[in-house]
């Protein structure tokens, strides 16, 4: 009976450890910590929202970053709430979502640009 209890308790301990590791890895990263909650373009308060990562959005050159759609996005509506650009810190293998600030005026500007 003592051997059976010992096996059961070690299996429970292993299960609890695995569950704790799994749950700690499921936390949504918060990119808003230490950041201003006021949009630097529109000067309005922003809200926090869980946004998907967008890998592969980094412009290949400084010129590409300053012109075209990417340049317009960063200059006129840097917080549209559609995704977290890869220029933010994204760890290798990190998927899912992270908390980021979203500006309502940036969202509206992005919608108008896409129309």
PDB file of N, CA and C in Angstrom:
ATOM      1  N   UNK A   1       0.816  -1.193   0.000  1.00  0.00           N
ATOM      2  CA  UNK A   1       0.000   0.000   0.000  1.00  0.00           C
ATOM      3  C   UNK A   1       0.867   1.268   0.000  1.00  0.00           C
ATOM      4  N   UNK A   2       1.976   1.209   0.770  1.00  0.00           N
ATOM      5  CA  UNK A   2       2.872   2.365   0.837  1.00  0.00           C
ATOM      6  C   UNK A   2       3.520   2.641  -0.509  1.00  0.00           C
ATOM      7  N   UNK A   3       3.883   1.559  -1.245  1.00  0.00           N
ATOM      8  CA  UNK A   3       4.474   1.743  -2.576  1.00  0.00           C
ATOM      9  C   UNK A   3       3.461   2.384  -3.516  1.00  0.00           C
ATOM     10  N   UNK A   4       2.214   1.965  -3.425  1.00  0.00           N
ATOM     11  CA  UNK A   4       1.176   2.505  -4.305  1.00  0.00           C
ATOM     12  C   UNK A   4       0.968   3.995  -4.028  1.00  0.00           C
ATOM     13  N   UNK A   5       0.931   4.382  -2.749  1.00  0.00           N
ATOM     14  CA  UNK A   5       0.770   5.796  -2.396  1.00  0.00           C
ATOM     15  C   UNK A   5       1.960   6.614  -2.873  1.00  0.00           C
ATOM     16  N   UNK A   6       3.157   6.036  -2.784  1.00  0.00           N
ATOM     17  CA  UNK A   6       4.355   6.737  -3.220  1.00  0.00           C
ATOM     18  C   UNK A   6       4.322   6.969  -4.730  1.00  0.00           C
ATOM     19  N   UNK A   7       3.926   5.952  -5.487  1.00  0.00           N
ATOM     20  CA  UNK A   7       3.830   6.115  -6.944  1.00  0.00           C
ATOM     21  C   UNK A   7       2.773   7.146  -7.300  1.00  0.00           C
ATOM     22  N   UNK A   8       1.649   7.091  -6.599  1.00  0.00           N
ATOM     23  CA  UNK A   8       0.563   8.032  -6.866  1.00  0.00           C
ATOM     24  C   UNK A   8       1.012   9.453  -6.554  1.00  0.00           C
ATOM     25  N   UNK A   9       1.683   9.661  -5.431  1.00  0.00           N
ATOM     26  CA  UNK A   9       2.109  11.011  -5.052  1.00  0.00           C
ATOM     27  C   UNK A   9       3.179  11.541  -6.002  1.00  0.00           C
ATOM     28  N   UNK A  10       4.076  10.689  -6.485  1.00  0.00           N
ATOM     29  CA  UNK A  10       5.086  11.170  -7.429  1.00  0.00           C
ATOM     30  C   UNK A  10       4.451  11.497  -8.776  1.00  0.00           C
ATOM     31  N   UNK A  11       3.437  10.740  -9.177  1.00  0.00           N
ATOM     32  CA  UNK A  11       2.726  11.063 -10.426  1.00  0.00           C
ATOM     33  C   UNK A  11       1.959  12.368 -10.275  1.00  0.00           C
ATOM     34  N   UNK A  12       1.353  12.570  -9.110  1.00  0.00           N
ATOM     35  CA  UNK A  12       0.632  13.832  -8.864  1.00  0.00           C
ATOM     36  C   UNK A  12       1.599  15.013  -8.883  1.00  0.00           C
ATOM     37  N   UNK A  13       2.751  14.830  -8.252  1.00  0.00           N
ATOM     38  CA  UNK A  13       3.742  15.911  -8.227  1.00  0.00           C
ATOM     39  C   UNK A  13       4.211  16.240  -9.639  1.00  0.00           C
ATOM     40  N   UNK A  14       4.447  15.227 -10.455  1.00  0.00           N
ATOM     41  CA  UNK A  14       4.870  15.456 -11.838  1.00  0.00           C
ATOM     42  C   UNK A  14       3.778  16.169 -12.622  1.00  0.00           C
ATOM     43  N   UNK A  15       2.536  15.760 -12.413  1.00  0.00           N
ATOM     44  CA  UNK A  15       1.415  16.397 -13.102  1.00  0.00           C
ATOM     45  C   UNK A  15       1.290  17.863 -12.701  1.00  0.00           C
ATOM     46  N   UNK A  16       1.380  18.147 -11.411  1.00  0.00           N
ATOM     47  CA  UNK A  16       1.274  19.523 -10.922  1.00  0.00           C
ATOM     48  C   UNK A  16       2.406  20.373 -11.477  1.00  0.00           C
ATOM     49  N   UNK A  17       3.614  19.830 -11.526  1.00  0.00           N
ATOM     50  CA  UNK A  17       4.750  20.559 -12.086  1.00  0.00           C
ATOM     51  C   UNK A  17       4.535  20.875 -13.560  1.00  0.00           C
ATOM     52  N   UNK A  18       4.097  19.884 -14.325  1.00  0.00           N
ATOM     53  CA  UNK A  18       3.836  20.115 -15.756  1.00  0.00           C
ATOM     54  C   UNK A  18       2.719  21.123 -15.962  1.00  0.00           C
ATOM     55  N   UNK A  19       1.676  21.027 -15.151  1.00  0.00           N
ATOM     56  CA  UNK A  19       0.567  21.981 -15.249  1.00  0.00           C
ATOM     57  C   UNK A  19       1.047  23.392 -14.946  1.00  0.00           C
ATOM     58  N   UNK A  20       1.861  23.554 -13.917  1.00  0.00           N
ATOM     59  CA  UNK A  20       2.392  24.880 -13.561  1.00  0.00           C
ATOM     60  C   UNK A  20       3.253  25.444 -14.685  1.00  0.00           C
ATOM     61  N   UNK A  21       4.092  24.624 -15.279  1.00  0.00           N
ATOM     62  CA  UNK A  21       4.929  25.076 -16.399  1.00  0.00           C
ATOM     63  C   UNK A  21       4.085  25.479 -17.592  1.00  0.00           C
ATOM     64  N   UNK A  22       3.058  24.697 -17.877  1.00  0.00           N
ATOM     65  CA  UNK A  22       2.176  24.989 -19.000  1.00  0.00           C
ATOM     66  C   UNK A  22       1.447  26.313 -18.769  1.00  0.00           C
ATOM     67  N   UNK A  23       0.886  26.493 -17.587  1.00  0.00           N
ATOM     68  CA  UNK A  23       0.117  27.699 -17.311  1.00  0.00           C
ATOM     69  C   UNK A  23       0.998  28.936 -17.266  1.00  0.00           C
ATOM     70  N   UNK A  24       2.219  28.817 -16.798  1.00  0.00           N
ATOM     71  CA  UNK A  24       3.102  29.985 -16.777  1.00  0.00           C
ATOM     72  C   UNK A  24       3.497  30.396 -18.192  1.00  0.00           C
ATOM     73  N   UNK A  25       3.552  29.461 -19.118  1.00  0.00           N
ATOM     74  CA  UNK A  25       3.872  29.777 -20.510  1.00  0.00           C
ATOM     75  C   UNK A  25       2.691  30.327 -21.276  1.00  0.00           C
ATOM     76  N   UNK A  26       1.492  30.260 -20.708  1.00  0.00           N
ATOM     77  CA  UNK A  26       0.284  30.706 -21.399  1.00  0.00           C
ATOM     78  C   UNK A  26      -0.078  32.147 -21.081  1.00  0.00           C
ATOM     79  N   UNK A  27       0.715  32.819 -20.247  1.00  0.00           N
ATOM     80  CA  UNK A  27       0.413  34.208 -19.937  1.00  0.00           C
ATOM     81  C   UNK A  27       0.602  35.062 -21.180  1.00  0.00           C
ATOM     82  N   UNK A  28      -0.297  36.002 -21.375  1.00  0.00           N
ATOM     83  CA  UNK A  28      -0.185  36.930 -22.498  1.00  0.00           C
ATOM     84  C   UNK A  28       0.878  37.969 -22.167  1.00  0.00           C
ATOM     85  N   UNK A  29       1.951  38.084 -22.974  1.00  0.00           N
ATOM     86  CA  UNK A  29       2.977  39.093 -22.697  1.00  0.00           C
ATOM     87  C   UNK A  29       2.370  40.498 -22.741  1.00  0.00           C
ATOM     88  N   UNK A  30       2.819  41.361 -21.857  1.00  0.00           N
ATOM     89  CA  UNK A  30       2.293  42.727 -21.767  1.00  0.00           C
ATOM     90  C   UNK A  30       3.354  43.704 -22.257  1.00  0.00           C
ATOM     91  N   UNK A  31       3.178  44.230 -23.469  1.00  0.00           N
ATOM     92  CA  UNK A  31       4.125  45.188 -24.042  1.00  0.00           C
ATOM     93  C   UNK A  31       3.796  46.631 -23.651  1.00  0.00           C
ATOM     94  N   UNK A  32       2.760  46.824 -22.818  1.00  0.00           N
ATOM     95  CA  UNK A  32       2.380  48.179 -22.427  1.00  0.00           C
ATOM     96  C   UNK A  32       3.147  48.666 -21.202  1.00  0.00           C
ATOM     97  N   UNK A  33       3.790  47.757 -20.482  1.00  0.00           N
ATOM     98  CA  UNK A  33       4.503  48.146 -19.260  1.00  0.00           C
ATOM     99  C   UNK A  33       5.610  49.141 -19.578  1.00  0.00           C
ATOM    100  N   UNK A  34       5.587  50.250 -18.861  1.00  0.00           N
ATOM    101  CA  UNK A  34       6.607  51.271 -19.051  1.00  0.00           C
ATOM    102  C   UNK A  34       6.374  52.171 -20.253  1.00  0.00           C
ATOM    103  N   UNK A  35       5.284  51.951 -20.992  1.00  0.00           N
ATOM    104  CA  UNK A  35       4.979  52.749 -22.182  1.00  0.00           C
ATOM    105  C   UNK A  35       3.898  53.781 -21.859  1.00  0.00           C
ATOM    106  N   UNK A  36       3.918  54.885 -22.560  1.00  0.00           N
ATOM    107  CA  UNK A  36       2.878  55.891 -22.386  1.00  0.00           C
ATOM    108  C   UNK A  36       1.569  55.370 -22.970  1.00  0.00           C
ATOM    109  N   UNK A  37       0.452  55.689 -22.329  1.00  0.00           N
ATOM    110  CA  UNK A  37      -0.847  55.272 -22.855  1.00  0.00           C
ATOM    111  C   UNK A  37      -1.503  56.394 -23.670  1.00  0.00           C
ATOM    112  N   UNK A  38      -0.697  57.364 -24.098  1.00  0.00           N
ATOM    113  CA  UNK A  38      -1.183  58.463 -24.932  1.00  0.00           C
ATOM    114  C   UNK A  38      -0.526  58.343 -26.304  1.00  0.00           C
ATOM    115  N   UNK A  39      -1.338  58.356 -27.362  1.00  0.00           N
ATOM    116  CA  UNK A  39      -0.822  58.240 -28.727  1.00  0.00           C
ATOM    117  C   UNK A  39       0.048  59.454 -29.056  1.00  0.00           C
ATOM    118  N   UNK A  40       1.260  59.192 -29.546  1.00  0.00           N
ATOM    119  CA  UNK A  40       2.190  60.275 -29.854  1.00  0.00           C
ATOM    120  C   UNK A  40       1.777  61.074 -31.087  1.00  0.00           C
ATOM    121  N   UNK A  41       0.877  60.544 -31.905  1.00  0.00           N
ATOM    122  CA  UNK A  41       0.407  61.251 -33.099  1.00  0.00           C
ATOM    123  C   UNK A  41      -0.886  62.016 -32.814  1.00  0.00           C
ATOM    124  N   UNK A  42      -1.863  61.348 -32.211  1.00  0.00           N
ATOM    125  CA  UNK A  42      -3.188  61.948 -32.011  1.00  0.00           C
ATOM    126  C   UNK A  42      -3.406  62.548 -30.622  1.00  0.00           C
ATOM    127  N   UNK A  43      -2.495  62.281 -29.708  1.00  0.00           N
ATOM    128  CA  UNK A  43      -2.543  62.837 -28.353  1.00  0.00           C
ATOM    129  C   UNK A  43      -3.844  62.501 -27.627  1.00  0.00           C
ATOM    130  N   UNK A  44      -4.322  61.268 -27.801  1.00  0.00           N
ATOM    131  CA  UNK A  44      -5.509  60.783 -27.093  1.00  0.00           C
ATOM    132  C   UNK A  44      -5.117  59.540 -26.287  1.00  0.00           C
ATOM    133  N   UNK A  45      -5.891  59.265 -25.246  1.00  0.00           N
ATOM    134  CA  UNK A  45      -5.638  58.081 -24.413  1.00  0.00           C
ATOM    135  C   UNK A  45      -5.904  56.819 -25.223  1.00  0.00           C
ATOM    136  N   UNK A  46      -5.025  55.826 -25.056  1.00  0.00           N
ATOM    137  CA  UNK A  46      -5.174  54.557 -25.763  1.00  0.00           C
ATOM    138  C   UNK A  46      -5.669  53.490 -24.787  1.00  0.00           C
ATOM    139  N   UNK A  47      -6.204  52.407 -25.347  1.00  0.00           N
ATOM    140  CA  UNK A  47      -6.656  51.278 -24.541  1.00  0.00           C
ATOM    141  C   UNK A  47      -5.740  50.086 -24.793  1.00  0.00           C
ATOM    142  N   UNK A  48      -5.688  49.171 -23.821  1.00  0.00           N
ATOM    143  CA  UNK A  48      -4.887  47.954 -23.981  1.00  0.00           C
ATOM    144  C   UNK A  48      -5.743  46.895 -24.658  1.00  0.00           C
ATOM    145  N   UNK A  49      -5.108  46.168 -25.577  1.00  0.00           N
ATOM    146  CA  UNK A  49      -5.811  45.105 -26.296  1.00  0.00           C
ATOM    147  C   UNK A  49      -4.822  43.986 -26.627  1.00  0.00           C
ATOM    148  N   UNK A  50      -5.306  42.747 -26.610  1.00  0.00           N
ATOM    149  CA  UNK A  50      -4.479  41.606 -27.009  1.00  0.00           C
ATOM    150  C   UNK A  50      -4.466  41.552 -28.531  1.00  0.00           C
ATOM    151  N   UNK A  51      -3.283  41.694 -29.125  1.00  0.00           N
ATOM    152  CA  UNK A  51      -3.124  41.733 -30.584  1.00  0.00           C
ATOM    153  C   UNK A  51      -2.256  40.571 -31.056  1.00  0.00           C
ATOM    154  N   UNK A  52      -2.506  40.083 -32.283  1.00  0.00           N
ATOM    155  CA  UNK A  52      -1.666  39.007 -32.821  1.00  0.00           C
ATOM    156  C   UNK A  52      -0.313  39.558 -33.280  1.00  0.00           C
ATOM    157  N   UNK A  53       0.692  38.703 -33.257  1.00  0.00           N
ATOM    158  CA  UNK A  53       2.002  39.064 -33.798  1.00  0.00           C
ATOM    159  C   UNK A  53       1.939  39.006 -35.315  1.00  0.00           C
ATOM    160  N   UNK A  54       2.672  39.914 -35.977  1.00  0.00           N
ATOM    161  CA  UNK A  54       2.763  39.913 -37.435  1.00  0.00           C
ATOM    162  C   UNK A  54       4.228  39.750 -37.804  1.00  0.00           C
ATOM    163  N   UNK A  55       4.638  38.540 -38.040  1.00  0.00           N
ATOM    164  CA  UNK A  55       6.034  38.271 -38.394  1.00  0.00           C
ATOM    165  C   UNK A  55       6.283  38.641 -39.858  1.00  0.00           C
ATOM    166  N   UNK A  56       7.497  39.067 -40.160  1.00  0.00           N
ATOM    167  CA  UNK A  56       7.871  39.343 -41.540  1.00  0.00           C
ATOM    168  C   UNK A  56       7.492  40.708 -42.044  1.00  0.00           C
ATOM    169  N   UNK A  57       7.219  41.665 -41.145  1.00  0.00           N
ATOM    170  CA  UNK A  57       6.821  43.003 -41.583  1.00  0.00           C
ATOM    171  C   UNK A  57       7.970  44.003 -41.544  1.00  0.00           C
ATOM    172  N   UNK A  58       9.171  43.572 -41.235  1.00  0.00           N
ATOM    173  CA  UNK A  58      10.289  44.504 -41.121  1.00  0.00           C
ATOM    174  C   UNK A  58      10.748  44.934 -42.520  1.00  0.00           C
ATOM    175  N   UNK A  59      10.764  46.243 -42.809  1.00  0.00           N
ATOM    176  CA  UNK A  59      11.266  46.696 -44.106  1.00  0.00           C
ATOM    177  C   UNK A  59      12.726  46.295 -44.291  1.00  0.00           C
ATOM    178  N   UNK A  60      13.127  46.042 -45.524  1.00  0.00           N
ATOM    179  CA  UNK A  60      14.468  45.551 -45.806  1.00  0.00           C
ATOM    180  C   UNK A  60      15.522  46.662 -45.827  1.00  0.00           C
ATOM    181  N   UNK A  61      15.120  47.908 -45.938  1.00  0.00           N
ATOM    182  CA  UNK A  61      16.090  49.003 -45.967  1.00  0.00           C
ATOM    183  C   UNK A  61      15.490  50.226 -45.282  1.00  0.00           C
ATOM    184  N   UNK A  62      16.336  51.175 -44.928  1.00  0.00           N
ATOM    185  CA  UNK A  62      15.842  52.410 -44.303  1.00  0.00           C
ATOM    186  C   UNK A  62      14.893  53.144 -45.256  1.00  0.00           C
ATOM    187  N   UNK A  63      15.227  53.157 -46.545  1.00  0.00           N
ATOM    188  CA  UNK A  63      14.372  53.839 -47.526  1.00  0.00           C
ATOM    189  C   UNK A  63      12.990  53.196 -47.567  1.00  0.00           C
ATOM    190  N   UNK A  64      12.945  51.853 -47.550  1.00  0.00           N
ATOM    191  CA  UNK A  64      11.658  51.157 -47.562  1.00  0.00           C
ATOM    192  C   UNK A  64      10.860  51.448 -46.293  1.00  0.00           C
ATOM    193  N   UNK A  65      11.575  51.643 -45.182  1.00  0.00           N
ATOM    194  CA  UNK A  65      10.902  51.924 -43.915  1.00  0.00           C
ATOM    195  C   UNK A  65      10.284  53.317 -43.891  1.00  0.00           C
ATOM    196  N   UNK A  66      10.864  54.236 -44.650  1.00  0.00           N
ATOM    197  CA  UNK A  66      10.401  55.622 -44.613  1.00  0.00           C
ATOM    198  C   UNK A  66       9.390  55.944 -45.699  1.00  0.00           C
ATOM    199  N   UNK A  67       9.212  55.056 -46.652  1.00  0.00           N
ATOM    200  CA  UNK A  67       8.293  55.312 -47.755  1.00  0.00           C
ATOM    201  C   UNK A  67       7.237  54.215 -47.824  1.00  0.00           C
ATOM    202  N   UNK A  68       6.285  54.413 -48.682  1.00  0.00           N
ATOM    203  CA  UNK A  68       5.271  53.392 -48.919  1.00  0.00           C
ATOM    204  C   UNK A  68       4.325  53.208 -47.741  1.00  0.00           C
ATOM    205  N   UNK A  69       3.636  52.097 -47.748  1.00  0.00           N
ATOM    206  CA  UNK A  69       2.611  51.828 -46.733  1.00  0.00           C
ATOM    207  C   UNK A  69       3.197  51.784 -45.329  1.00  0.00           C
ATOM    208  N   UNK A  70       4.383  51.174 -45.191  1.00  0.00           N
ATOM    209  CA  UNK A  70       4.994  51.076 -43.871  1.00  0.00           C
ATOM    210  C   UNK A  70       5.295  52.467 -43.301  1.00  0.00           C
ATOM    211  N   UNK A  71       5.852  53.337 -44.128  1.00  0.00           N
ATOM    212  CA  UNK A  71       6.166  54.698 -43.685  1.00  0.00           C
ATOM    213  C   UNK A  71       4.925  55.468 -43.283  1.00  0.00           C
ATOM    214  N   UNK A  72       3.852  55.352 -44.093  1.00  0.00           N
ATOM    215  CA  UNK A  72       2.586  56.020 -43.752  1.00  0.00           C
ATOM    216  C   UNK A  72       2.024  55.482 -42.443  1.00  0.00           C
ATOM    217  N   UNK A  73       2.093  54.165 -42.274  1.00  0.00           N
ATOM    218  CA  UNK A  73       1.561  53.552 -41.046  1.00  0.00           C
ATOM    219  C   UNK A  73       2.266  54.124 -39.822  1.00  0.00           C
ATOM    220  N   UNK A  74       3.592  54.106 -39.830  1.00  0.00           N
ATOM    221  CA  UNK A  74       4.341  54.523 -38.653  1.00  0.00           C
ATOM    222  C   UNK A  74       4.255  56.034 -38.410  1.00  0.00           C
ATOM    223  N   UNK A  75       4.052  56.809 -39.464  1.00  0.00           N
ATOM    224  CA  UNK A  75       3.982  58.263 -39.304  1.00  0.00           C
ATOM    225  C   UNK A  75       2.591  58.745 -38.900  1.00  0.00           C
ATOM    226  N   UNK A  76       1.555  58.180 -39.517  1.00  0.00           N
ATOM    227  CA  UNK A  76       0.208  58.715 -39.315  1.00  0.00           C
ATOM    228  C   UNK A  76      -0.696  57.871 -38.421  1.00  0.00           C
ATOM    229  N   UNK A  77      -0.435  56.594 -38.268  1.00  0.00           N
ATOM    230  CA  UNK A  77      -1.271  55.743 -37.393  1.00  0.00           C
ATOM    231  C   UNK A  77      -0.456  54.560 -36.860  1.00  0.00           C
ATOM    232  N   UNK A  78       0.442  54.862 -35.907  1.00  0.00           N
ATOM    233  CA  UNK A  78       1.331  53.816 -35.407  1.00  0.00           C
ATOM    234  C   UNK A  78       0.681  52.803 -34.463  1.00  0.00           C
ATOM    235  N   UNK A  79      -0.558  53.053 -34.006  1.00  0.00           N
ATOM    236  CA  UNK A  79      -1.224  52.151 -33.056  1.00  0.00           C
ATOM    237  C   UNK A  79      -2.623  51.760 -33.547  1.00  0.00           C
ATOM    238  N   UNK A  80      -2.748  51.148 -34.748  1.00  0.00           N
ATOM    239  CA  UNK A  80      -4.071  50.882 -35.305  1.00  0.00           C
ATOM    240  C   UNK A  80      -4.784  49.667 -34.727  1.00  0.00           C
ATOM    241  N   UNK A  81      -4.098  48.832 -33.974  1.00  0.00           N
ATOM    242  CA  UNK A  81      -4.765  47.705 -33.338  1.00  0.00           C
ATOM    243  C   UNK A  81      -4.980  46.498 -34.228  1.00  0.00           C
ATOM    244  N   UNK A  82      -4.300  46.423 -35.374  1.00  0.00           N
ATOM    245  CA  UNK A  82      -4.483  45.255 -36.241  1.00  0.00           C
ATOM    246  C   UNK A  82      -3.508  44.141 -35.893  1.00  0.00           C
ATOM    247  N   UNK A  83      -2.300  44.504 -35.434  1.00  0.00           N
ATOM    248  CA  UNK A  83      -1.291  43.503 -35.092  1.00  0.00           C
ATOM    249  C   UNK A  83      -0.144  44.181 -34.361  1.00  0.00           C
ATOM    250  N   UNK A  84       0.787  43.366 -33.887  1.00  0.00           N
ATOM    251  CA  UNK A  84       2.030  43.879 -33.308  1.00  0.00           C
ATOM    252  C   UNK A  84       3.108  43.666 -34.359  1.00  0.00           C
ATOM    253  N   UNK A  85       3.637  44.757 -34.955  1.00  0.00           N
ATOM    254  CA  UNK A  85       4.658  44.603 -35.995  1.00  0.00           C
ATOM    255  C   UNK A  85       5.898  43.904 -35.477  1.00  0.00           C
ATOM    256  N   UNK A  86       6.593  43.258 -36.349  1.00  0.00           N
ATOM    257  CA  UNK A  86       7.801  42.519 -35.978  1.00  0.00           C
ATOM    258  C   UNK A  86       8.928  43.439 -35.539  1.00  0.00           C
ATOM    259  N   UNK A  87       8.774  44.755 -35.693  1.00  0.00           N
ATOM    260  CA  UNK A  87       9.790  45.668 -35.195  1.00  0.00           C
ATOM    261  C   UNK A  87       9.737  45.757 -33.677  1.00  0.00           C
ATOM    262  N   UNK A  88       8.619  45.336 -33.067  1.00  0.00           N
ATOM    263  CA  UNK A  88       8.569  45.207 -31.618  1.00  0.00           C
ATOM    264  C   UNK A  88       9.326  43.937 -31.254  1.00  0.00           C
ATOM    265  N   UNK A  89       9.626  43.766 -29.997  1.00  0.00           N
ATOM    266  CA  UNK A  89      10.389  42.595 -29.579  1.00  0.00           C
ATOM    267  C   UNK A  89       9.500  41.363 -29.643  1.00  0.00           C
ATOM    268  N   UNK A  90       9.870  40.427 -30.490  1.00  0.00           N
ATOM    269  CA  UNK A  90       9.166  39.153 -30.608  1.00  0.00           C
ATOM    270  C   UNK A  90      10.221  38.063 -30.492  1.00  0.00           C
ATOM    271  N   UNK A  91      10.074  37.243 -29.470  1.00  0.00           N
ATOM    272  CA  UNK A  91      11.059  36.192 -29.256  1.00  0.00           C
ATOM    273  C   UNK A  91      10.867  35.072 -30.261  1.00  0.00           C
ATOM    274  N   UNK A  92      11.938  34.395 -30.661  1.00  0.00           N
ATOM    275  CA  UNK A  92      11.809  33.278 -31.600  1.00  0.00           C
ATOM    276  C   UNK A  92      10.840  32.227 -31.062  1.00  0.00           C
ATOM    277  N   UNK A  93       9.961  31.783 -31.924  1.00  0.00           N
ATOM    278  CA  UNK A  93       8.992  30.773 -31.532  1.00  0.00           C
ATOM    279  C   UNK A  93       7.787  31.320 -30.786  1.00  0.00           C
ATOM    280  N   UNK A  94       7.771  32.630 -30.519  1.00  0.00           N
ATOM    281  CA  UNK A  94       6.649  33.212 -29.787  1.00  0.00           C
ATOM    282  C   UNK A  94       5.473  33.370 -30.746  1.00  0.00           C
ATOM    283  N   UNK A  95       4.360  32.832 -30.377  1.00  0.00           N
ATOM    284  CA  UNK A  95       3.171  32.923 -31.210  1.00  0.00           C
ATOM    285  C   UNK A  95       2.023  33.428 -30.359  1.00  0.00           C
ATOM    286  N   UNK A  96       0.908  33.634 -30.966  1.00  0.00           N
ATOM    287  CA  UNK A  96      -0.265  34.052 -30.212  1.00  0.00           C
ATOM    288  C   UNK A  96      -0.417  35.552 -30.185  1.00  0.00           C
ATOM    289  N   UNK A  97      -0.684  36.049 -28.992  1.00  0.00           N
ATOM    290  CA  UNK A  97      -1.002  37.463 -28.834  1.00  0.00           C
ATOM    291  C   UNK A  97      -0.194  38.089 -27.704  1.00  0.00           C
ATOM    292  N   UNK A  98      -0.195  39.416 -27.691  1.00  0.00           N
ATOM    293  CA  UNK A  98       0.421  40.169 -26.604  1.00  0.00           C
ATOM    294  C   UNK A  98      -0.413  41.426 -26.387  1.00  0.00           C
ATOM    295  N   UNK A  99      -0.355  41.967 -25.183  1.00  0.00           N
ATOM    296  CA  UNK A  99      -1.074  43.201 -24.889  1.00  0.00           C
ATOM    297  C   UNK A  99      -0.290  44.384 -25.435  1.00  0.00           C
ATOM    298  N   UNK A 100      -0.993  45.258 -26.131  1.00  0.00           N
ATOM    299  CA  UNK A 100      -0.380  46.445 -26.723  1.00  0.00           C
ATOM    300  C   UNK A 100      -1.418  47.558 -26.678  1.00  0.00           C
ATOM    301  N   UNK A 101      -0.956  48.810 -26.699  1.00  0.00           N
ATOM    302  CA  UNK A 101      -1.885  49.940 -26.719  1.00  0.00           C
ATOM    303  C   UNK A 101      -2.464  50.139 -28.118  1.00  0.00           C
ATOM    304  N   UNK A 102      -3.748  50.528 -28.151  1.00  0.00           N
ATOM    305  CA  UNK A 102      -4.447  50.795 -29.410  1.00  0.00           C
ATOM    306  C   UNK A 102      -5.094  52.177 -29.308  1.00  0.00           C
ATOM    307  N   UNK A 103      -4.902  52.983 -30.348  1.00  0.00           N
ATOM    308  CA  UNK A 103      -5.471  54.335 -30.421  1.00  0.00           C
ATOM    309  C   UNK A 103      -6.693  54.304 -31.337  1.00  0.00           C
ATOM    310  N   UNK A 104      -7.807  54.821 -30.863  1.00  0.00           N
ATOM    311  CA  UNK A 104      -9.035  54.804 -31.687  1.00  0.00           C
ATOM    312  C   UNK A 104      -8.876  55.629 -32.962  1.00  0.00           C
ATOM    313  N   UNK A 105      -8.129  56.738 -32.877  1.00  0.00           N
ATOM    314  CA  UNK A 105      -7.921  57.575 -34.069  1.00  0.00           C
ATOM    315  C   UNK A 105      -7.000  56.880 -35.074  1.00  0.00           C
ATOM    316  N   UNK A 106      -6.015  56.127 -34.585  1.00  0.00           N
ATOM    317  CA  UNK A 106      -5.152  55.354 -35.486  1.00  0.00           C
ATOM    318  C   UNK A 106      -5.967  54.268 -36.181  1.00  0.00           C
ATOM    319  N   UNK A 107      -6.889  53.631 -35.443  1.00  0.00           N
ATOM    320  CA  UNK A 107      -7.749  52.600 -36.040  1.00  0.00           C
ATOM    321  C   UNK A 107      -8.578  53.191 -37.177  1.00  0.00           C
ATOM    322  N   UNK A 108      -9.160  54.359 -36.928  1.00  0.00           N
ATOM    323  CA  UNK A 108      -9.978  55.011 -37.954  1.00  0.00           C
ATOM    324  C   UNK A 108      -9.134  55.415 -39.158  1.00  0.00           C
ATOM    325  N   UNK A 109      -7.945  55.943 -38.920  1.00  0.00           N
ATOM    326  CA  UNK A 109      -7.060  56.340 -40.024  1.00  0.00           C
ATOM    327  C   UNK A 109      -6.661  55.122 -40.867  1.00  0.00           C
ATOM    328  N   UNK A 110      -6.395  54.001 -40.211  1.00  0.00           N
ATOM    329  CA  UNK A 110      -6.024  52.782 -40.929  1.00  0.00           C
ATOM    330  C   UNK A 110      -7.192  52.285 -41.792  1.00  0.00           C
ATOM    331  N   UNK A 111      -8.402  52.327 -41.232  1.00  0.00           N
ATOM    332  CA  UNK A 111      -9.589  51.916 -42.014  1.00  0.00           C
ATOM    333  C   UNK A 111      -9.775  52.800 -43.240  1.00  0.00           C
ATOM    334  N   UNK A 112      -9.609  54.108 -43.064  1.00  0.00           N
ATOM    335  CA  UNK A 112      -9.766  55.041 -44.198  1.00  0.00           C
ATOM    336  C   UNK A 112      -8.709  54.761 -45.259  1.00  0.00           C
ATOM    337  N   UNK A 113      -7.476  54.461 -44.828  1.00  0.00           N
ATOM    338  CA  UNK A 113      -6.400  54.196 -45.788  1.00  0.00           C
ATOM    339  C   UNK A 113      -6.689  52.932 -46.596  1.00  0.00           C
ATOM    340  N   UNK A 114      -7.295  51.925 -45.968  1.00  0.00           N
ATOM    341  CA  UNK A 114      -7.556  50.657 -46.650  1.00  0.00           C
ATOM    342  C   UNK A 114      -8.766  50.736 -47.575  1.00  0.00           C
ATOM    343  N   UNK A 115      -9.591  51.762 -47.446  1.00  0.00           N
ATOM    344  CA  UNK A 115     -10.788  51.869 -48.306  1.00  0.00           C
ATOM    345  C   UNK A 115     -10.448  52.334 -49.695  1.00  0.00           C
TER     346      UNK A 115
END
